[in-house]
Amino acid sequence: MRMDDHRTSDNVEDRRAAGGRGGFRLGGGRMGLGTIAIALVASYFLGINPLTVLSMLSGGGGMPAIEQSAPPAKAPPANDQTAAFVSKVLASTEDTWNEAFRANGKRYQEPKLVLFSGLTATACGTGQSAMGPFYCPGDQKVYIDLQFFNELKTRFKAPGEFAQAYVIAHEVGHHVQNLLGIADQVHKAQQRASKTEANALSVRMELQADCLAGVWGKRTDTMKNILDPGDLEAALNAASAIGDDRLQQQAQGRIVPESFTHGSSAQRMKWFKTGFQTGDMNQCNTFDRTVTL
């Protein structure tokens, strides 16, 4: 990808120095993760509510309220090349979606992107590196542990900068869905649905985010000529590598389509290509029942 001379975003928040040491506020005090762990172990072996144990450890009485607290926000260091690349990708999504929303008579609200390591507090609960990159609609932030890019390259065999950019663009696609009210509608529908039906709705959500990532790729390349030969194939390879069917086959040796939550490799590639070929967010209606996923 050709992004060396591109601007970085002001919406990147670096929490990596905390190293997963973000604490939990208990009443008027603060507890680290070690104390929380002690409480959970004690509650398991002694049969005591962990909140009661926490209250005892803190010297308080009654049932305490636990509130997660994030470390102070700061910008990533200037010499961190991976963080700089991520910041440039985020900036390109800002430019793309600001323009696309204006063209549709809407206003785009830029999300924050949080770099973290281990654990971090979010409005959606505790974020963990093991979860992979994710978007939290509660605080409108994308969360990523940059070590995931190593996993993308080694475990998923999907190297390349455009593969990494696709991951970020996909999560920003969830932010676009949130702003358009799609995420809320799907969440409400899932609450009324069976588990299989809820999974099917999740697949449609994820495939739409793939399509929106493709729209970003096309529009950004048209505006700024960012792609080198082979970049598109790298993104499609990444989309294929994290398809539900491939991941299930690797993990359990069999494929269970009704348990899919993100879509098959073929579906993820198809919808990214749909967005990339058209550059039109209106072509990403994966909820149209007349459309074959």
Protein backbone atom coordinates (compact mmCIF):
# COMPACT_ATOMS: atom_id res chain seq x y z
CA MET A 1 0.00 0.00 0.00
CA ARG A 2 1.18 3.51 -0.78
CA MET A 3 0.41 5.54 2.35
CA ASP A 4 3.77 6.97 3.38
CA ASP A 5 2.79 10.57 2.67
CA HIS A 6 -0.77 10.31 3.97
CA ARG A 7 -2.02 12.07 7.08
CA THR A 8 -2.54 10.34 10.41
CA SER A 9 -5.74 10.49 12.41
CA ASP A 10 -6.23 12.43 15.63
CA ASN A 11 -8.67 9.77 16.80
CA VAL A 12 -6.17 7.10 17.91
CA GLU A 13 -5.90 6.35 21.62
CA ASP A 14 -2.92 4.33 22.87
CA ARG A 15 -3.50 2.30 26.04
CA ARG A 16 -0.73 -0.23 25.50
CA ALA A 17 1.50 1.17 28.24
CA ALA A 18 -1.15 0.04 30.72
CA GLY A 19 -0.35 -3.55 29.65
CA GLY A 20 -3.75 -4.81 30.69
CA ARG A 21 -3.36 -3.33 34.16
CA GLY A 22 -6.49 -1.22 33.96
CA GLY A 23 -8.25 -1.48 37.28
CA PHE A 24 -11.81 -1.67 38.51
CA ARG A 25 -13.38 0.99 40.68
CA LEU A 26 -15.04 -0.52 43.73
CA GLY A 27 -17.18 1.94 45.63
CA GLY A 28 -14.77 4.79 46.32
CA GLY A 29 -11.57 2.76 45.87
CA ARG A 30 -9.72 0.96 43.11
CA MET A 31 -8.74 -2.68 42.69
CA GLY A 32 -6.32 -4.34 40.32
CA LEU A 33 -6.95 -7.47 38.32
CA GLY A 34 -5.00 -9.55 40.84
CA THR A 35 -7.51 -8.70 43.56
CA ILE A 36 -10.37 -9.52 41.24
CA ALA A 37 -8.76 -12.89 40.47
CA ILE A 38 -8.38 -13.68 44.19
CA ALA A 39 -12.06 -12.89 44.69
CA LEU A 40 -13.11 -15.19 41.87
CA VAL A 41 -10.96 -18.08 43.15
CA ALA A 42 -12.22 -17.61 46.69
CA SER A 43 -15.83 -17.51 45.56
CA TYR A 44 -15.35 -20.75 43.58
CA PHE A 45 -13.86 -22.78 46.42
CA LEU A 46 -15.81 -21.23 49.29
CA GLY A 47 -19.15 -20.87 47.55
CA ILE A 48 -19.31 -17.14 48.34
CA ASN A 49 -20.61 -14.45 46.01
CA PRO A 50 -17.50 -12.80 44.48
CA LEU A 51 -18.96 -9.35 45.14
CA THR A 52 -19.08 -10.20 48.84
CA VAL A 53 -15.43 -11.27 48.75
CA LEU A 54 -14.50 -8.02 47.00
CA SER A 55 -16.32 -6.05 49.65
CA MET A 56 -14.40 -7.88 52.39
CA LEU A 57 -11.06 -7.32 50.62
CA SER A 58 -11.77 -3.63 50.23
CA GLY A 59 -12.78 -3.22 53.85
CA GLY A 60 -16.28 -2.16 52.91
CA GLY A 61 -19.67 -3.53 53.73
CA GLY A 62 -22.65 -4.62 51.70
CA MET A 63 -22.70 -5.33 47.98
CA PRO A 64 -20.32 -3.01 46.10
CA ALA A 65 -20.79 -1.62 42.64
CA ILE A 66 -17.94 -2.49 40.27
CA GLU A 67 -17.09 -0.04 37.53
CA GLN A 68 -14.33 -0.52 35.00
CA SER A 69 -11.93 2.33 34.43
CA ALA A 70 -9.75 2.85 31.38
CA PRO A 71 -6.20 4.24 31.60
CA PRO A 72 -5.68 7.85 30.50
CA ALA A 73 -5.81 8.37 26.73
CA LYS A 74 -2.66 9.32 24.85
CA ALA A 75 -1.38 9.34 21.28
CA PRO A 76 0.93 6.53 20.08
CA PRO A 77 4.67 7.32 19.88
CA ALA A 78 5.82 8.90 16.63
CA ASN A 79 8.40 6.16 15.94
CA ASP A 80 5.87 3.30 16.11
CA GLN A 81 5.51 2.36 12.44
CA THR A 82 2.64 -0.08 12.87
CA ALA A 83 0.65 2.38 14.95
CA ALA A 84 1.36 5.09 12.36
CA PHE A 85 0.10 2.80 9.59
CA VAL A 86 -3.08 2.05 11.52
CA SER A 87 -3.57 5.76 12.15
CA LYS A 88 -3.24 6.48 8.42
CA VAL A 89 -5.75 3.77 7.58
CA LEU A 90 -8.17 5.23 10.11
CA ALA A 91 -7.66 8.70 8.60
CA SER A 92 -8.49 7.30 5.16
CA THR A 93 -11.73 5.82 6.52
CA GLU A 94 -12.59 9.24 7.95
CA ASP A 95 -12.08 10.90 4.57
CA THR A 96 -14.04 8.20 2.74
CA TRP A 97 -17.03 8.02 5.05
CA ASN A 98 -17.28 11.78 5.58
CA GLU A 99 -17.64 12.14 1.82
CA ALA A 100 -19.98 9.16 1.42
CA PHE A 101 -22.30 10.36 4.20
CA ARG A 102 -22.39 13.89 2.75
CA ALA A 103 -23.34 12.45 -0.64
CA ASN A 104 -26.28 10.73 1.06
CA GLY A 105 -27.35 13.83 3.00
CA LYS A 106 -26.00 12.59 6.34
CA ARG A 107 -23.28 13.58 8.79
CA TYR A 108 -20.53 11.16 9.69
CA GLN A 109 -19.30 10.95 13.29
CA GLU A 110 -15.70 9.73 13.37
CA PRO A 111 -14.98 6.82 15.71
CA LYS A 112 -11.99 6.48 18.02
CA LEU A 113 -9.52 3.64 17.55
CA VAL A 114 -7.99 2.23 20.73
CA LEU A 115 -4.67 0.36 20.76
CA PHE A 116 -4.43 -1.94 23.76
CA SER A 117 -2.58 -4.96 25.06
CA GLY A 118 -4.08 -7.78 27.11
CA LEU A 119 -7.20 -6.31 28.66
CA THR A 120 -8.92 -2.94 28.50
CA ALA A 121 -12.12 -1.38 29.76
CA THR A 122 -14.84 -0.61 27.21
CA ALA A 123 -18.47 0.45 27.33
CA CYS A 124 -19.27 -3.11 26.20
CA GLY A 125 -17.40 -4.80 29.05
CA THR A 126 -13.79 -5.93 29.35
CA GLY A 127 -12.03 -6.11 25.99
CA GLN A 128 -9.47 -8.91 25.59
CA SER A 129 -6.74 -9.44 23.02
CA ALA A 130 -8.00 -12.99 22.52
CA MET A 131 -11.24 -11.58 21.12
CA GLY A 132 -9.44 -10.09 18.14
CA PRO A 133 -10.30 -6.61 16.84
CA PHE A 134 -13.81 -5.47 17.71
CA TYR A 135 -16.14 -2.47 17.68
CA CYS A 136 -18.10 -1.28 20.71
CA PRO A 137 -21.23 0.71 19.81
CA GLY A 138 -21.58 1.87 23.41
CA ASP A 139 -18.55 4.17 23.16
CA GLN A 140 -18.21 4.22 19.35
CA LYS A 141 -14.65 2.91 19.50
CA VAL A 142 -12.72 0.29 17.55
CA TYR A 143 -10.38 -1.80 19.70
CA ILE A 144 -7.32 -3.67 18.46
CA ASP A 145 -4.24 -5.32 19.88
CA LEU A 146 -1.65 -4.83 17.14
CA GLN A 147 -0.28 -8.31 17.88
CA PHE A 148 -3.31 -9.53 15.94
CA PHE A 149 -1.50 -8.58 12.74
CA ASN A 150 1.19 -11.15 13.56
CA GLU A 151 -1.53 -13.73 14.08
CA LEU A 152 -3.13 -12.71 10.79
CA LYS A 153 0.18 -13.38 9.06
CA THR A 154 1.24 -16.57 10.83
CA ARG A 155 -1.91 -18.36 11.96
CA PHE A 156 -4.26 -17.22 9.20
CA LYS A 157 -1.61 -17.04 6.46
CA ALA A 158 -2.89 -13.63 5.38
CA PRO A 159 0.08 -11.22 5.23
CA GLY A 160 0.19 -7.78 3.69
CA GLU A 161 -0.70 -4.22 4.64
CA PHE A 162 -3.98 -4.23 2.75
CA ALA A 163 -5.02 -7.33 4.69
CA GLN A 164 -4.35 -5.37 7.89
CA ALA A 165 -6.20 -2.36 6.53
CA TYR A 166 -9.17 -4.56 5.65
CA VAL A 167 -9.44 -5.63 9.29
CA ILE A 168 -9.64 -2.02 10.45
CA ALA A 169 -12.02 -1.03 7.65
CA HIS A 170 -14.31 -3.93 8.58
CA GLU A 171 -14.59 -2.72 12.19
CA VAL A 172 -15.20 0.84 10.98
CA GLY A 173 -17.93 -0.70 8.82
CA HIS A 174 -19.64 -1.74 12.06
CA HIS A 175 -19.43 1.88 13.16
CA VAL A 176 -21.15 2.94 9.94
CA GLN A 177 -23.89 0.39 10.67
CA ASN A 178 -24.24 1.83 14.16
CA LEU A 179 -24.61 5.39 12.86
CA LEU A 180 -27.23 4.30 10.32
CA GLY A 181 -29.28 2.53 12.99
CA ILE A 182 -28.76 -0.90 11.42
CA ALA A 183 -26.93 -2.33 14.42
CA ASP A 184 -29.74 -1.37 16.80
CA GLN A 185 -32.40 -2.87 14.53
CA VAL A 186 -30.49 -6.13 14.26
CA HIS A 187 -29.91 -6.30 18.01
CA LYS A 188 -33.62 -5.89 18.67
CA ALA A 189 -34.49 -8.53 16.09
CA GLN A 190 -31.98 -10.95 17.62
CA GLN A 191 -33.60 -10.60 21.04
CA ARG A 192 -36.87 -11.91 19.57
CA ALA A 193 -35.25 -14.65 17.48
CA SER A 194 -34.08 -18.20 18.07
CA LYS A 195 -30.35 -18.86 18.38
CA THR A 196 -30.13 -20.05 14.77
CA GLU A 197 -32.05 -17.02 13.52
CA ALA A 198 -29.92 -14.68 15.64
CA ASN A 199 -26.76 -16.25 14.17
CA ALA A 200 -28.14 -15.72 10.66
CA LEU A 201 -28.72 -12.03 11.41
CA SER A 202 -25.18 -11.78 12.75
CA VAL A 203 -23.86 -13.24 9.49
CA ARG A 204 -25.74 -10.58 7.50
CA MET A 205 -24.27 -7.88 9.76
CA GLU A 206 -20.72 -9.14 9.29
CA LEU A 207 -21.06 -9.56 5.54
CA GLN A 208 -22.38 -6.02 5.26
CA ALA A 209 -19.34 -4.77 7.22
CA ASP A 210 -17.15 -6.68 4.74
CA CYS A 211 -18.95 -4.95 1.88
CA LEU A 212 -18.51 -1.55 3.52
CA ALA A 213 -14.80 -2.33 3.92
CA GLY A 214 -14.71 -2.97 0.18
CA VAL A 215 -16.44 0.36 -0.45
CA TRP A 216 -13.75 2.07 1.62
CA GLY A 217 -11.01 0.30 -0.36
CA LYS A 218 -12.44 1.31 -3.73
CA ARG A 219 -13.23 4.91 -2.85
CA THR A 220 -9.90 5.46 -1.10
CA ASP A 221 -7.94 3.99 -4.00
CA THR A 222 -9.91 6.14 -6.46
CA MET A 223 -9.20 9.28 -4.44
CA LYS A 224 -5.60 8.60 -3.43
CA ASN A 225 -4.26 5.72 -5.54
CA ILE A 226 -3.13 3.66 -2.54
CA LEU A 227 -3.07 0.12 -3.94
CA ASP A 228 -0.16 -1.82 -5.37
CA PRO A 229 -0.47 -4.97 -7.50
CA GLY A 230 -1.47 -7.87 -5.26
CA ASP A 231 -3.07 -5.72 -2.54
CA LEU A 232 -6.63 -6.67 -3.45
CA GLU A 233 -5.70 -10.35 -3.39
CA ALA A 234 -4.19 -9.87 0.09
CA ALA A 235 -7.47 -8.45 1.42
CA LEU A 236 -9.50 -11.24 -0.19
CA ASN A 237 -7.11 -13.79 1.27
CA ALA A 238 -7.68 -12.30 4.73
CA ALA A 239 -11.46 -12.36 4.25
CA SER A 240 -11.26 -16.00 3.19
CA ALA A 241 -8.93 -16.96 6.05
CA ILE A 242 -11.39 -15.84 8.71
CA GLY A 243 -14.51 -17.40 7.20
CA ASP A 244 -16.54 -19.46 9.67
CA ASP A 245 -16.28 -22.64 7.62
CA ARG A 246 -12.49 -22.51 7.46
CA LEU A 247 -12.13 -21.65 11.15
CA GLN A 248 -14.54 -24.42 12.20
CA GLN A 249 -12.76 -26.97 10.01
CA GLN A 250 -9.43 -26.04 11.57
CA ALA A 251 -10.75 -26.02 15.13
CA GLN A 252 -13.10 -29.00 15.21
CA GLY A 253 -12.69 -30.85 11.96
CA ARG A 254 -16.27 -30.26 10.85
CA ILE A 255 -18.47 -27.43 9.61
CA VAL A 256 -21.77 -26.43 11.25
CA PRO A 257 -23.41 -23.77 9.03
CA GLU A 258 -26.26 -22.99 11.44
CA SER A 259 -23.68 -21.86 13.99
CA PHE A 260 -22.02 -19.39 11.61
CA THR A 261 -21.85 -15.83 12.95
CA HIS A 262 -19.60 -14.14 10.36
CA GLY A 263 -20.19 -16.00 7.10
CA SER A 264 -18.27 -18.52 5.04
CA SER A 265 -14.98 -17.75 3.31
CA ALA A 266 -16.76 -17.54 -0.05
CA GLN A 267 -19.42 -15.18 1.33
CA ARG A 268 -16.89 -12.87 2.97
CA MET A 269 -14.87 -12.65 -0.23
CA LYS A 270 -18.00 -12.09 -2.32
CA TRP A 271 -19.27 -9.17 -0.26
CA PHE A 272 -15.88 -7.49 0.05
CA LYS A 273 -15.60 -7.72 -3.74
CA THR A 274 -19.14 -6.33 -4.12
CA GLY A 275 -18.18 -3.25 -2.16
CA PHE A 276 -14.83 -2.91 -3.88
CA GLN A 277 -16.22 -3.28 -7.40
CA THR A 278 -19.06 -0.80 -6.93
CA GLY A 279 -17.68 1.66 -4.36
CA ASP A 280 -21.34 2.19 -3.45
CA MET A 281 -22.53 1.68 0.13
CA ASN A 282 -26.09 1.31 -1.18
CA GLN A 283 -25.05 -1.97 -2.82
CA CYS A 284 -24.25 -3.48 0.59
CA ASN A 285 -27.81 -4.42 1.60
CA THR A 286 -27.15 -7.93 2.84
CA PHE A 287 -30.52 -7.80 4.63
CA ASP A 288 -32.41 -7.89 1.34
CA ARG A 289 -33.92 -11.38 1.42
CA THR A 290 -34.02 -11.48 -2.39
CA VAL A 291 -30.21 -11.25 -2.48
CA THR A 292 -28.17 -14.44 -2.34
CA LEU A 293 -25.55 -14.22 0.37
